[in-house]
Structure formats: C-alpha cells, structure tokens
C-alpha cells in the first residue's frame, strides 16, 4: 500500500465524519429583543439576542409582523443562522448589514 493510499484511508473517513457532525448552528434558543421602531427613527425588525444584532430572513419577517405589535418586545425564540447577510432599514436612512437568521417566536 502506497503512502497516498494510506493517507486516503485516514482522510476520507475523517472528512465524511466531519461533514456529518452537527456544527451547532442549526437550532438555538434564546431571549430576543425585537425592535420594530422604524416610525420613530429606529430600525425595522432588528433582532438582538445576547449582544448580537441580527436581521430576520423574509419568512421570519412576515411571521414576526403577524405576531408582534409595538415598538419593542422581548420574547423567547428559536433561531438558526442562514449563513447570509440580511439588511435592516433604519429611519435615519441607514441600512444595517447584519447576520441573517431564521427565527420563530415561542
């Protein structure tokens, strides 16, 4: 058996195992503060979990609008990073580029 074959016997299973492992990104729980304060020069649906600000994905945005009434609420959520960057519009003509998440309110 050549060195290359031995290397393949080690690297291929290791790569497959790594691809199958959960990276912890799929589903998380947390307490979110959702700002829906665009009318008062705030930002439209900016989600803060811990000390990190997020933008909701399009599906989450619609669901949040149907459930949340008021300028700011704090609620328990399930969320998962999408791996994309989302945009949050702010009343002072700023647009924030933030990590995007898929989120459901508990």
PDB file of N, CA and C in Angstrom:
ATOM      1  N   UNK A   1       0.856  -1.162   0.000  1.00  0.00           N
ATOM      2  CA  UNK A   1       0.000   0.000   0.000  1.00  0.00           C
ATOM      3  C   UNK A   1       0.909   1.234   0.000  1.00  0.00           C
ATOM      4  N   UNK A   2       0.597   2.156  -0.890  1.00  0.00           N
ATOM      5  CA  UNK A   2       1.430   3.352  -1.002  1.00  0.00           C
ATOM      6  C   UNK A   2       1.063   4.356   0.098  1.00  0.00           C
ATOM      7  N   UNK A   3       1.880   5.337   0.244  1.00  0.00           N
ATOM      8  CA  UNK A   3       1.626   6.390   1.239  1.00  0.00           C
ATOM      9  C   UNK A   3       0.340   7.134   0.897  1.00  0.00           C
ATOM     10  N   UNK A   4       0.107   7.364  -0.386  1.00  0.00           N
ATOM     11  CA  UNK A   4      -1.106   8.052  -0.808  1.00  0.00           C
ATOM     12  C   UNK A   4      -2.352   7.249  -0.427  1.00  0.00           C
ATOM     13  N   UNK A   5      -2.309   5.941  -0.625  1.00  0.00           N
ATOM     14  CA  UNK A   5      -3.453   5.106  -0.263  1.00  0.00           C
ATOM     15  C   UNK A   5      -3.693   5.127   1.243  1.00  0.00           C
ATOM     16  N   UNK A   6      -2.620   5.084   2.019  1.00  0.00           N
ATOM     17  CA  UNK A   6      -2.757   5.136   3.478  1.00  0.00           C
ATOM     18  C   UNK A   6      -3.366   6.473   3.905  1.00  0.00           C
ATOM     19  N   UNK A   7      -2.917   7.538   3.263  1.00  0.00           N
ATOM     20  CA  UNK A   7      -3.450   8.857   3.583  1.00  0.00           C
ATOM     21  C   UNK A   7      -4.948   8.924   3.268  1.00  0.00           C
ATOM     22  N   UNK A   8      -5.331   8.349   2.137  1.00  0.00           N
ATOM     23  CA  UNK A   8      -6.742   8.350   1.765  1.00  0.00           C
ATOM     24  C   UNK A   8      -7.592   7.561   2.760  1.00  0.00           C
ATOM     25  N   UNK A   9      -7.048   6.462   3.291  1.00  0.00           N
ATOM     26  CA  UNK A   9      -7.766   5.655   4.272  1.00  0.00           C
ATOM     27  C   UNK A   9      -8.025   6.442   5.557  1.00  0.00           C
ATOM     28  N   UNK A  10      -7.185   7.402   5.833  1.00  0.00           N
ATOM     29  CA  UNK A  10      -7.358   8.223   7.034  1.00  0.00           C
ATOM     30  C   UNK A  10      -8.191   9.468   6.730  1.00  0.00           C
ATOM     31  N   UNK A  11      -7.898  10.155   5.630  1.00  0.00           N
ATOM     32  CA  UNK A  11      -8.528  11.437   5.346  1.00  0.00           C
ATOM     33  C   UNK A  11      -9.982  11.329   4.908  1.00  0.00           C
ATOM     34  N   UNK A  12     -10.310  10.345   4.085  1.00  0.00           N
ATOM     35  CA  UNK A  12     -11.681  10.233   3.592  1.00  0.00           C
ATOM     36  C   UNK A  12     -12.668   9.975   4.732  1.00  0.00           C
ATOM     37  N   UNK A  13     -12.433   8.985   5.602  1.00  0.00           N
ATOM     38  CA  UNK A  13     -13.378   8.805   6.718  1.00  0.00           C
ATOM     39  C   UNK A  13     -13.435  10.024   7.642  1.00  0.00           C
ATOM     40  N   UNK A  14     -12.306  10.673   7.863  1.00  0.00           N
ATOM     41  CA  UNK A  14     -12.300  11.865   8.718  1.00  0.00           C
ATOM     42  C   UNK A  14     -13.129  12.981   8.083  1.00  0.00           C
ATOM     43  N   UNK A  15     -13.010  13.158   6.782  1.00  0.00           N
ATOM     44  CA  UNK A  15     -13.783  14.189   6.088  1.00  0.00           C
ATOM     45  C   UNK A  15     -15.272  13.867   6.129  1.00  0.00           C
ATOM     46  N   UNK A  16     -15.634  12.607   5.924  1.00  0.00           N
ATOM     47  CA  UNK A  16     -17.037  12.213   5.981  1.00  0.00           C
ATOM     48  C   UNK A  16     -17.610  12.381   7.380  1.00  0.00           C
ATOM     49  N   UNK A  17     -16.862  12.037   8.380  1.00  0.00           N
ATOM     50  CA  UNK A  17     -17.313  12.201   9.752  1.00  0.00           C
ATOM     51  C   UNK A  17     -17.528  13.674  10.062  1.00  0.00           C
ATOM     52  N   UNK A  18     -16.625  14.508   9.636  1.00  0.00           N
ATOM     53  CA  UNK A  18     -16.754  15.951   9.857  1.00  0.00           C
ATOM     54  C   UNK A  18     -17.967  16.529   9.150  1.00  0.00           C
ATOM     55  N   UNK A  19     -18.265  16.042   7.973  1.00  0.00           N
ATOM     56  CA  UNK A  19     -19.414  16.544   7.220  1.00  0.00           C
ATOM     57  C   UNK A  19     -20.732  16.127   7.858  1.00  0.00           C
ATOM     58  N   UNK A  20     -20.733  15.010   8.555  1.00  0.00           N
ATOM     59  CA  UNK A  20     -21.963  14.506   9.160  1.00  0.00           C
ATOM     60  C   UNK A  20     -22.230  15.068  10.548  1.00  0.00           C
ATOM     61  N   UNK A  21     -21.243  15.644  11.180  1.00  0.00           N
ATOM     62  CA  UNK A  21     -21.414  16.149  12.535  1.00  0.00           C
ATOM     63  C   UNK A  21     -22.200  17.452  12.527  1.00  0.00           C
ATOM     64  N   UNK A  22     -23.035  17.634  13.530  1.00  0.00           N
ATOM     65  CA  UNK A  22     -23.797  18.860  13.699  1.00  0.00           C
ATOM     66  C   UNK A  22     -22.853  19.939  14.200  1.00  0.00           C
ATOM     67  N   UNK A  23     -22.869  21.085  13.529  1.00  0.00           N
ATOM     68  CA  UNK A  23     -21.972  22.163  13.919  1.00  0.00           C
ATOM     69  C   UNK A  23     -22.590  23.085  14.961  1.00  0.00           C
ATOM     70  N   UNK A  24     -23.797  22.753  15.465  1.00  0.00           N
ATOM     71  CA  UNK A  24     -24.431  23.567  16.484  1.00  0.00           C
ATOM     72  C   UNK A  24     -25.116  24.805  15.930  1.00  0.00           C
ATOM     73  N   UNK A  25     -25.105  24.970  14.620  1.00  0.00           N
ATOM     74  CA  UNK A  25     -25.678  26.161  14.007  1.00  0.00           C
ATOM     75  C   UNK A  25     -27.156  25.986  13.673  1.00  0.00           C
ATOM     76  N   UNK A  26     -27.671  24.768  13.714  1.00  0.00           N
ATOM     77  CA  UNK A  26     -28.985  24.517  13.161  1.00  0.00           C
ATOM     78  C   UNK A  26     -30.125  25.106  13.972  1.00  0.00           C
ATOM     79  N   UNK A  27     -30.167  24.896  15.253  1.00  0.00           N
ATOM     80  CA  UNK A  27     -31.293  25.402  16.035  1.00  0.00           C
ATOM     81  C   UNK A  27     -30.796  25.836  17.399  1.00  0.00           C
ATOM     82  N   UNK A  28     -31.085  27.074  17.717  1.00  0.00           N
ATOM     83  CA  UNK A  28     -30.678  27.631  19.004  1.00  0.00           C
ATOM     84  C   UNK A  28     -31.897  28.247  19.664  1.00  0.00           C
ATOM     85  N   UNK A  29     -31.800  28.411  20.968  1.00  0.00           N
ATOM     86  CA  UNK A  29     -32.843  29.086  21.717  1.00  0.00           C
ATOM     87  C   UNK A  29     -32.247  30.316  22.376  1.00  0.00           C
ATOM     88  N   UNK A  30     -33.068  31.315  22.592  1.00  0.00           N
ATOM     89  CA  UNK A  30     -32.590  32.498  23.281  1.00  0.00           C
ATOM     90  C   UNK A  30     -33.735  33.445  23.581  1.00  0.00           C
ATOM     91  N   UNK A  31     -33.375  34.517  24.269  1.00  0.00           N
ATOM     92  CA  UNK A  31     -34.311  35.597  24.536  1.00  0.00           C
ATOM     93  C   UNK A  31     -33.945  36.728  23.589  1.00  0.00           C
ATOM     94  N   UNK A  32     -34.910  37.146  22.790  1.00  0.00           N
ATOM     95  CA  UNK A  32     -34.649  38.162  21.767  1.00  0.00           C
ATOM     96  C   UNK A  32     -35.395  39.445  22.085  1.00  0.00           C
ATOM     97  N   UNK A  33     -34.713  40.553  21.830  1.00  0.00           N
ATOM     98  CA  UNK A  33     -35.368  41.848  21.832  1.00  0.00           C
ATOM     99  C   UNK A  33     -35.578  42.218  20.369  1.00  0.00           C
ATOM    100  N   UNK A  34     -36.823  42.416  20.002  1.00  0.00           N
ATOM    101  CA  UNK A  34     -37.162  42.738  18.619  1.00  0.00           C
ATOM    102  C   UNK A  34     -37.601  44.198  18.560  1.00  0.00           C
ATOM    103  N   UNK A  35     -36.828  44.986  17.840  1.00  0.00           N
ATOM    104  CA  UNK A  35     -37.156  46.397  17.642  1.00  0.00           C
ATOM    105  C   UNK A  35     -37.953  46.540  16.360  1.00  0.00           C
ATOM    106  N   UNK A  36     -39.097  47.162  16.477  1.00  0.00           N
ATOM    107  CA  UNK A  36     -39.937  47.455  15.324  1.00  0.00           C
ATOM    108  C   UNK A  36     -40.292  48.930  15.431  1.00  0.00           C
ATOM    109  N   UNK A  37     -39.268  49.762  15.314  1.00  0.00           N
ATOM    110  CA  UNK A  37     -39.387  51.163  15.671  1.00  0.00           C
ATOM    111  C   UNK A  37     -39.046  52.086  14.508  1.00  0.00           C
ATOM    112  N   UNK A  38     -39.290  51.659  13.291  1.00  0.00           N
ATOM    113  CA  UNK A  38     -38.943  52.446  12.112  1.00  0.00           C
ATOM    114  C   UNK A  38     -39.660  53.800  12.097  1.00  0.00           C
ATOM    115  N   UNK A  39     -40.881  53.831  12.562  1.00  0.00           N
ATOM    116  CA  UNK A  39     -41.660  55.078  12.524  1.00  0.00           C
ATOM    117  C   UNK A  39     -41.058  56.185  13.391  1.00  0.00           C
ATOM    118  N   UNK A  40     -40.260  55.831  14.380  1.00  0.00           N
ATOM    119  CA  UNK A  40     -39.660  56.831  15.290  1.00  0.00           C
ATOM    120  C   UNK A  40     -38.152  56.922  15.083  1.00  0.00           C
ATOM    121  N   UNK A  41     -37.703  56.815  13.840  1.00  0.00           N
ATOM    122  CA  UNK A  41     -36.271  56.853  13.501  1.00  0.00           C
ATOM    123  C   UNK A  41     -35.467  55.714  14.115  1.00  0.00           C
ATOM    124  N   UNK A  42     -36.162  54.639  14.433  1.00  0.00           N
ATOM    125  CA  UNK A  42     -35.459  53.452  14.898  1.00  0.00           C
ATOM    126  C   UNK A  42     -35.208  52.546  13.710  1.00  0.00           C
ATOM    127  N   UNK A  43     -35.144  51.258  13.956  1.00  0.00           N
ATOM    128  CA  UNK A  43     -34.894  50.303  12.877  1.00  0.00           C
ATOM    129  C   UNK A  43     -36.068  49.339  12.745  1.00  0.00           C
ATOM    130  N   UNK A  44     -36.252  48.844  11.552  1.00  0.00           N
ATOM    131  CA  UNK A  44     -37.338  47.940  11.215  1.00  0.00           C
ATOM    132  C   UNK A  44     -36.930  46.496  11.459  1.00  0.00           C
ATOM    133  N   UNK A  45     -37.506  45.871  12.455  1.00  0.00           N
ATOM    134  CA  UNK A  45     -37.287  44.456  12.778  1.00  0.00           C
ATOM    135  C   UNK A  45     -35.816  44.083  12.930  1.00  0.00           C
ATOM    136  N   UNK A  46     -35.137  44.750  13.807  1.00  0.00           N
ATOM    137  CA  UNK A  46     -33.780  44.364  14.206  1.00  0.00           C
ATOM    138  C   UNK A  46     -33.925  43.466  15.427  1.00  0.00           C
ATOM    139  N   UNK A  47     -33.293  42.303  15.381  1.00  0.00           N
ATOM    140  CA  UNK A  47     -33.394  41.323  16.454  1.00  0.00           C
ATOM    141  C   UNK A  47     -32.063  41.281  17.193  1.00  0.00           C
ATOM    142  N   UNK A  48     -32.122  41.428  18.513  1.00  0.00           N
ATOM    143  CA  UNK A  48     -30.917  41.347  19.330  1.00  0.00           C
ATOM    144  C   UNK A  48     -31.046  40.145  20.254  1.00  0.00           C
ATOM    145  N   UNK A  49     -30.061  39.247  20.169  1.00  0.00           N
ATOM    146  CA  UNK A  49     -30.008  38.082  21.044  1.00  0.00           C
ATOM    147  C   UNK A  49     -28.634  38.106  21.690  1.00  0.00           C
ATOM    148  N   UNK A  50     -28.606  38.131  23.018  1.00  0.00           N
ATOM    149  CA  UNK A  50     -27.329  38.357  23.697  1.00  0.00           C
ATOM    150  C   UNK A  50     -26.895  39.774  23.378  1.00  0.00           C
ATOM    151  N   UNK A  51     -25.716  39.930  22.884  1.00  0.00           N
ATOM    152  CA  UNK A  51     -25.232  41.262  22.480  1.00  0.00           C
ATOM    153  C   UNK A  51     -25.060  41.356  20.974  1.00  0.00           C
ATOM    154  N   UNK A  52     -25.703  40.437  20.226  1.00  0.00           N
ATOM    155  CA  UNK A  52     -25.521  40.383  18.779  1.00  0.00           C
ATOM    156  C   UNK A  52     -26.822  40.795  18.084  1.00  0.00           C
ATOM    157  N   UNK A  53     -26.705  41.699  17.114  1.00  0.00           N
ATOM    158  CA  UNK A  53     -27.841  42.132  16.311  1.00  0.00           C
ATOM    159  C   UNK A  53     -27.959  41.257  15.062  1.00  0.00           C
ATOM    160  N   UNK A  54     -29.205  40.921  14.698  1.00  0.00           N
ATOM    161  CA  UNK A  54     -29.483  40.079  13.543  1.00  0.00           C
ATOM    162  C   UNK A  54     -30.574  40.700  12.687  1.00  0.00           C
ATOM    163  N   UNK A  55     -30.599  40.281  11.426  1.00  0.00           N
ATOM    164  CA  UNK A  55     -31.695  40.603  10.509  1.00  0.00           C
ATOM    165  C   UNK A  55     -32.502  39.319  10.304  1.00  0.00           C
ATOM    166  N   UNK A  56     -33.834  39.392  10.377  1.00  0.00           N
ATOM    167  CA  UNK A  56     -34.628  38.193  10.107  1.00  0.00           C
ATOM    168  C   UNK A  56     -34.700  37.910   8.606  1.00  0.00           C
ATOM    169  N   UNK A  57     -34.794  36.632   8.243  1.00  0.00           N
ATOM    170  CA  UNK A  57     -34.978  36.306   6.826  1.00  0.00           C
ATOM    171  C   UNK A  57     -36.414  36.674   6.427  1.00  0.00           C
ATOM    172  N   UNK A  58     -36.723  36.600   5.138  1.00  0.00           N
ATOM    173  CA  UNK A  58     -38.020  37.053   4.623  1.00  0.00           C
ATOM    174  C   UNK A  58     -39.194  36.306   5.251  1.00  0.00           C
ATOM    175  N   UNK A  59     -39.081  35.010   5.419  1.00  0.00           N
ATOM    176  CA  UNK A  59     -40.165  34.214   6.012  1.00  0.00           C
ATOM    177  C   UNK A  59     -40.385  34.618   7.466  1.00  0.00           C
ATOM    178  N   UNK A  60     -39.305  34.778   8.194  1.00  0.00           N
ATOM    179  CA  UNK A  60     -39.403  35.174   9.603  1.00  0.00           C
ATOM    180  C   UNK A  60     -39.988  36.564   9.737  1.00  0.00           C
ATOM    181  N   UNK A  61     -39.601  37.451   8.845  1.00  0.00           N
ATOM    182  CA  UNK A  61     -40.079  38.840   8.881  1.00  0.00           C
ATOM    183  C   UNK A  61     -41.618  38.876   8.803  1.00  0.00           C
ATOM    184  N   UNK A  62     -42.190  38.100   7.907  1.00  0.00           N
ATOM    185  CA  UNK A  62     -43.653  38.057   7.768  1.00  0.00           C
ATOM    186  C   UNK A  62     -44.310  37.503   9.031  1.00  0.00           C
ATOM    187  N   UNK A  63     -43.752  36.440   9.576  1.00  0.00           N
ATOM    188  CA  UNK A  63     -44.313  35.828  10.783  1.00  0.00           C
ATOM    189  C   UNK A  63     -44.206  36.768  11.981  1.00  0.00           C
ATOM    190  N   UNK A  64     -43.094  37.470  12.096  1.00  0.00           N
ATOM    191  CA  UNK A  64     -42.913  38.414  13.209  1.00  0.00           C
ATOM    192  C   UNK A  64     -43.934  39.539  13.108  1.00  0.00           C
ATOM    193  N   UNK A  65     -44.115  40.069  11.916  1.00  0.00           N
ATOM    194  CA  UNK A  65     -45.090  41.159  11.734  1.00  0.00           C
ATOM    195  C   UNK A  65     -46.510  40.724  12.134  1.00  0.00           C
ATOM    196  N   UNK A  66     -46.834  39.460  11.896  1.00  0.00           N
ATOM    197  CA  UNK A  66     -48.164  38.954  12.237  1.00  0.00           C
ATOM    198  C   UNK A  66     -48.334  38.765  13.745  1.00  0.00           C
ATOM    199  N   UNK A  67     -47.232  38.553  14.468  1.00  0.00           N
ATOM    200  CA  UNK A  67     -47.312  38.238  15.895  1.00  0.00           C
ATOM    201  C   UNK A  67     -46.952  39.393  16.817  1.00  0.00           C
ATOM    202  N   UNK A  68     -46.143  40.312  16.367  1.00  0.00           N
ATOM    203  CA  UNK A  68     -45.610  41.366  17.236  1.00  0.00           C
ATOM    204  C   UNK A  68     -46.293  42.692  16.936  1.00  0.00           C
ATOM    205  N   UNK A  69     -46.773  43.319  17.988  1.00  0.00           N
ATOM    206  CA  UNK A  69     -47.378  44.643  17.858  1.00  0.00           C
ATOM    207  C   UNK A  69     -46.726  45.524  18.923  1.00  0.00           C
ATOM    208  N   UNK A  70     -46.156  46.617  18.499  1.00  0.00           N
ATOM    209  CA  UNK A  70     -45.469  47.507  19.425  1.00  0.00           C
ATOM    210  C   UNK A  70     -44.074  47.805  18.929  1.00  0.00           C
ATOM    211  N   UNK A  71     -43.450  48.794  19.549  1.00  0.00           N
ATOM    212  CA  UNK A  71     -42.133  49.258  19.102  1.00  0.00           C
ATOM    213  C   UNK A  71     -41.002  48.334  19.513  1.00  0.00           C
ATOM    214  N   UNK A  72     -41.137  47.689  20.672  1.00  0.00           N
ATOM    215  CA  UNK A  72     -40.069  46.804  21.129  1.00  0.00           C
ATOM    216  C   UNK A  72     -40.660  45.746  22.052  1.00  0.00           C
ATOM    217  N   UNK A  73     -40.277  44.499  21.807  1.00  0.00           N
ATOM    218  CA  UNK A  73     -40.723  43.399  22.658  1.00  0.00           C
ATOM    219  C   UNK A  73     -39.538  42.494  22.962  1.00  0.00           C
ATOM    220  N   UNK A  74     -39.630  41.813  24.088  1.00  0.00           N
ATOM    221  CA  UNK A  74     -38.635  40.817  24.450  1.00  0.00           C
ATOM    222  C   UNK A  74     -39.369  39.489  24.573  1.00  0.00           C
ATOM    223  N   UNK A  75     -38.938  38.502  23.783  1.00  0.00           N
ATOM    224  CA  UNK A  75     -39.654  37.227  23.697  1.00  0.00           C
ATOM    225  C   UNK A  75     -38.663  36.070  23.582  1.00  0.00           C
ATOM    226  N   UNK A  76     -39.065  34.865  24.021  1.00  0.00           N
ATOM    227  CA  UNK A  76     -38.233  33.681  23.781  1.00  0.00           C
ATOM    228  C   UNK A  76     -38.369  33.256  22.315  1.00  0.00           C
ATOM    229  N   UNK A  77     -37.256  32.835  21.723  1.00  0.00           N
ATOM    230  CA  UNK A  77     -37.248  32.457  20.312  1.00  0.00           C
ATOM    231  C   UNK A  77     -36.414  31.202  20.081  1.00  0.00           C
ATOM    232  N   UNK A  78     -36.687  30.558  18.967  1.00  0.00           N
ATOM    233  CA  UNK A  78     -35.812  29.552  18.363  1.00  0.00           C
ATOM    234  C   UNK A  78     -35.267  30.208  17.106  1.00  0.00           C
ATOM    235  N   UNK A  79     -33.981  30.026  16.838  1.00  0.00           N
ATOM    236  CA  UNK A  79     -33.416  30.662  15.652  1.00  0.00           C
ATOM    237  C   UNK A  79     -32.264  29.827  15.097  1.00  0.00           C
ATOM    238  N   UNK A  80     -31.991  30.069  13.828  1.00  0.00           N
ATOM    239  CA  UNK A  80     -30.889  29.386  13.155  1.00  0.00           C
ATOM    240  C   UNK A  80     -30.247  30.359  12.172  1.00  0.00           C
ATOM    241  N   UNK A  81     -28.932  30.494  12.221  1.00  0.00           N
ATOM    242  CA  UNK A  81     -28.249  31.344  11.239  1.00  0.00           C
ATOM    243  C   UNK A  81     -28.451  30.786   9.837  1.00  0.00           C
ATOM    244  N   UNK A  82     -28.650  31.679   8.872  1.00  0.00           N
ATOM    245  CA  UNK A  82     -28.821  31.239   7.486  1.00  0.00           C
ATOM    246  C   UNK A  82     -27.494  31.202   6.737  1.00  0.00           C
ATOM    247  N   UNK A  83     -26.476  31.856   7.300  1.00  0.00           N
ATOM    248  CA  UNK A  83     -25.193  31.950   6.608  1.00  0.00           C
ATOM    249  C   UNK A  83     -25.138  33.125   5.645  1.00  0.00           C
ATOM    250  N   UNK A  84     -26.238  33.873   5.573  1.00  0.00           N
ATOM    251  CA  UNK A  84     -26.286  35.034   4.676  1.00  0.00           C
ATOM    252  C   UNK A  84     -26.249  36.320   5.498  1.00  0.00           C
ATOM    253  N   UNK A  85     -26.085  37.424   4.807  1.00  0.00           N
ATOM    254  CA  UNK A  85     -26.169  38.742   5.419  1.00  0.00           C
ATOM    255  C   UNK A  85     -27.504  39.351   5.019  1.00  0.00           C
ATOM    256  N   UNK A  86     -28.240  39.844   6.010  1.00  0.00           N
ATOM    257  CA  UNK A  86     -29.524  40.476   5.750  1.00  0.00           C
ATOM    258  C   UNK A  86     -29.427  41.968   5.994  1.00  0.00           C
ATOM    259  N   UNK A  87     -30.430  42.683   5.539  1.00  0.00           N
ATOM    260  CA  UNK A  87     -30.439  44.131   5.710  1.00  0.00           C
ATOM    261  C   UNK A  87     -31.625  44.551   6.567  1.00  0.00           C
ATOM    262  N   UNK A  88     -31.346  45.525   7.434  1.00  0.00           N
ATOM    263  CA  UNK A  88     -32.373  46.122   8.276  1.00  0.00           C
ATOM    264  C   UNK A  88     -32.396  47.604   7.965  1.00  0.00           C
ATOM    265  N   UNK A  89     -33.558  48.102   7.576  1.00  0.00           N
ATOM    266  CA  UNK A  89     -33.726  49.512   7.245  1.00  0.00           C
ATOM    267  C   UNK A  89     -33.949  50.307   8.531  1.00  0.00           C
ATOM    268  N   UNK A  90     -33.286  51.474   8.617  1.00  0.00           N
ATOM    269  CA  UNK A  90     -33.451  52.345   9.771  1.00  0.00           C
ATOM    270  C   UNK A  90     -34.020  53.680   9.320  1.00  0.00           C
ATOM    271  N   UNK A  91     -34.725  54.345  10.245  1.00  0.00           N
ATOM    272  CA  UNK A  91     -35.437  55.572   9.926  1.00  0.00           C
ATOM    273  C   UNK A  91     -34.559  56.742   9.547  1.00  0.00           C
ATOM    274  N   UNK A  92     -33.291  56.717   9.909  1.00  0.00           N
ATOM    275  CA  UNK A  92     -32.390  57.819   9.558  1.00  0.00           C
ATOM    276  C   UNK A  92     -31.665  57.547   8.240  1.00  0.00           C
ATOM    277  N   UNK A  93     -32.300  56.747   7.378  1.00  0.00           N
ATOM    278  CA  UNK A  93     -31.811  56.396   6.041  1.00  0.00           C
ATOM    279  C   UNK A  93     -30.598  55.481   6.047  1.00  0.00           C
ATOM    280  N   UNK A  94     -30.265  54.900   7.194  1.00  0.00           N
ATOM    281  CA  UNK A  94     -29.198  53.900   7.246  1.00  0.00           C
ATOM    282  C   UNK A  94     -29.785  52.534   6.895  1.00  0.00           C
ATOM    283  N   UNK A  95     -28.928  51.690   6.360  1.00  0.00           N
ATOM    284  CA  UNK A  95     -29.263  50.287   6.154  1.00  0.00           C
ATOM    285  C   UNK A  95     -28.171  49.483   6.831  1.00  0.00           C
ATOM    286  N   UNK A  96     -28.578  48.650   7.789  1.00  0.00           N
ATOM    287  CA  UNK A  96     -27.616  47.828   8.521  1.00  0.00           C
ATOM    288  C   UNK A  96     -27.460  46.483   7.831  1.00  0.00           C
ATOM    289  N   UNK A  97     -26.226  46.078   7.572  1.00  0.00           N
ATOM    290  CA  UNK A  97     -25.932  44.726   7.077  1.00  0.00           C
ATOM    291  C   UNK A  97     -25.615  43.869   8.283  1.00  0.00           C
ATOM    292  N   UNK A  98     -26.482  42.902   8.561  1.00  0.00           N
ATOM    293  CA  UNK A  98     -26.357  42.082   9.764  1.00  0.00           C
ATOM    294  C   UNK A  98     -26.424  40.606   9.406  1.00  0.00           C
ATOM    295  N   UNK A  99     -25.884  39.746  10.275  1.00  0.00           N
ATOM    296  CA  UNK A  99     -26.040  38.302  10.044  1.00  0.00           C
ATOM    297  C   UNK A  99     -27.537  37.974  10.020  1.00  0.00           C
ATOM    298  N   UNK A 100     -27.942  37.150   9.071  1.00  0.00           N
ATOM    299  CA  UNK A 100     -29.349  36.819   8.901  1.00  0.00           C
ATOM    300  C   UNK A 100     -29.685  35.532   9.655  1.00  0.00           C
ATOM    301  N   UNK A 101     -30.879  35.527  10.275  1.00  0.00           N
ATOM    302  CA  UNK A 101     -31.340  34.324  10.954  1.00  0.00           C
ATOM    303  C   UNK A 101     -32.777  33.997  10.541  1.00  0.00           C
ATOM    304  N   UNK A 102     -33.095  32.726  10.632  1.00  0.00           N
ATOM    305  CA  UNK A 102     -34.471  32.269  10.545  1.00  0.00           C
ATOM    306  C   UNK A 102     -34.932  32.160  11.988  1.00  0.00           C
ATOM    307  N   UNK A 103     -36.055  32.773  12.325  1.00  0.00           N
ATOM    308  CA  UNK A 103     -36.455  32.836  13.730  1.00  0.00           C
ATOM    309  C   UNK A 103     -37.940  32.552  13.882  1.00  0.00           C
ATOM    310  N   UNK A 104     -38.290  31.848  14.959  1.00  0.00           N
ATOM    311  CA  UNK A 104     -39.686  31.649  15.327  1.00  0.00           C
ATOM    312  C   UNK A 104     -39.849  32.068  16.771  1.00  0.00           C
ATOM    313  N   UNK A 105     -40.959  32.719  17.048  1.00  0.00           N
ATOM    314  CA  UNK A 105     -41.257  33.173  18.411  1.00  0.00           C
ATOM    315  C   UNK A 105     -41.937  32.030  19.141  1.00  0.00           C
ATOM    316  N   UNK A 106     -41.449  31.728  20.316  1.00  0.00           N
ATOM    317  CA  UNK A 106     -42.026  30.635  21.136  1.00  0.00           C
ATOM    318  C   UNK A 106     -43.358  31.043  21.727  1.00  0.00           C
TER     319      UNK A 106
END
